[in-house]
Protein backbone atom coordinates (compact mmCIF):
# COMPACT_ATOMS: atom_id res chain seq x y z
CA MET A 1 5.75 15.76 -7.01
CA THR A 2 3.94 16.36 -3.75
CA ALA A 3 1.83 13.74 -2.04
CA LYS A 4 -1.31 15.69 -2.93
CA GLU A 5 -0.30 15.86 -6.58
CA ALA A 6 0.40 12.12 -6.65
CA LEU A 7 -2.95 11.45 -5.03
CA ARG A 8 -4.76 13.65 -7.55
CA ASP A 9 -3.05 11.83 -10.42
CA TRP A 10 -4.04 8.48 -8.96
CA VAL A 11 -7.66 9.55 -8.43
CA ASP A 12 -7.86 10.87 -11.99
CA GLU A 13 -7.06 7.36 -13.26
CA LEU A 14 -9.90 5.71 -11.33
CA THR A 15 -13.09 4.67 -13.07
CA GLU A 16 -16.28 6.22 -11.71
CA GLU A 17 -17.12 2.87 -10.08
CA GLU A 18 -13.70 2.65 -8.40
CA ALA A 19 -14.03 6.23 -7.18
CA GLU A 20 -17.47 5.55 -5.72
CA ALA A 21 -16.22 2.46 -3.90
CA LEU A 22 -13.31 4.45 -2.51
CA VAL A 23 -15.59 7.26 -1.34
CA GLN A 24 -17.74 4.70 0.48
CA ARG A 25 -14.70 3.15 2.17
CA ILE A 26 -13.36 6.52 3.25
CA ALA A 27 -16.78 7.55 4.57
CA ARG A 28 -16.81 4.47 6.81
CA GLY A 29 -13.50 5.62 8.28
CA ASN A 30 -12.27 3.39 11.06
CA ASP A 31 -15.26 1.13 10.64
CA MET A 32 -13.44 -0.73 7.89
CA GLU A 33 -12.87 -4.32 8.83
CA PHE A 34 -10.18 -6.49 7.41
CA PRO A 35 -10.12 -10.26 7.55
CA PRO A 36 -7.54 -11.76 9.90
CA LEU A 37 -4.23 -12.74 8.37
CA THR A 38 -3.77 -16.39 7.53
CA PRO A 39 -0.95 -18.35 9.19
CA GLU A 40 0.92 -18.20 5.87
CA GLN A 41 0.57 -14.41 5.70
CA LEU A 42 1.75 -14.04 9.29
CA ALA A 43 4.74 -16.28 8.62
CA SER A 44 5.61 -14.25 5.52
CA ALA A 45 5.44 -10.99 7.48
CA GLU A 46 7.66 -12.47 10.18
CA ARG A 47 10.21 -13.61 7.57
CA GLY A 48 10.22 -10.12 6.08
CA ALA A 49 10.73 -8.53 9.50
CA ALA A 50 13.61 -10.93 10.23
CA GLN A 51 15.22 -10.10 6.89
CA THR A 52 14.93 -6.39 7.63
CA ASP A 53 16.41 -6.89 11.09
CA ALA A 54 19.32 -8.74 9.47
CA GLY A 55 19.94 -5.82 7.10
CA LEU A 56 18.71 -7.71 4.05
CA GLY A 57 15.96 -5.27 3.11
CA ILE A 58 15.96 -3.00 0.09
CA PRO A 59 15.45 0.71 0.82
CA HIS A 60 12.16 2.15 -0.42
CA ASP A 61 13.93 4.60 -2.75
CA GLU A 62 15.77 1.73 -4.42
CA VAL A 63 12.58 -0.28 -4.95
CA MET A 64 10.88 2.75 -6.46
CA ARG A 65 13.86 3.36 -8.74
CA ARG A 66 13.82 -0.26 -9.92
CA PHE A 67 10.15 0.08 -10.82
CA GLY A 68 10.72 3.37 -12.58
CA ARG A 69 8.67 5.37 -10.08
CA VAL A 70 11.36 7.93 -9.25
């Protein structure tokens, strides 16, 4: 499945309200603002990066297989 096909499938599953909200977010483009990460979120990201650096990560393909997405 191509990325475009996957995207079309995903969009087809949205409710009209979800689609409208997504259109609005896309229309704003880079104007989207995200709240800053909390100290706990930053610490979690740093732990994940350290695990990856130590070779403890799980490859994306394996995660997708485990969740039945491949």
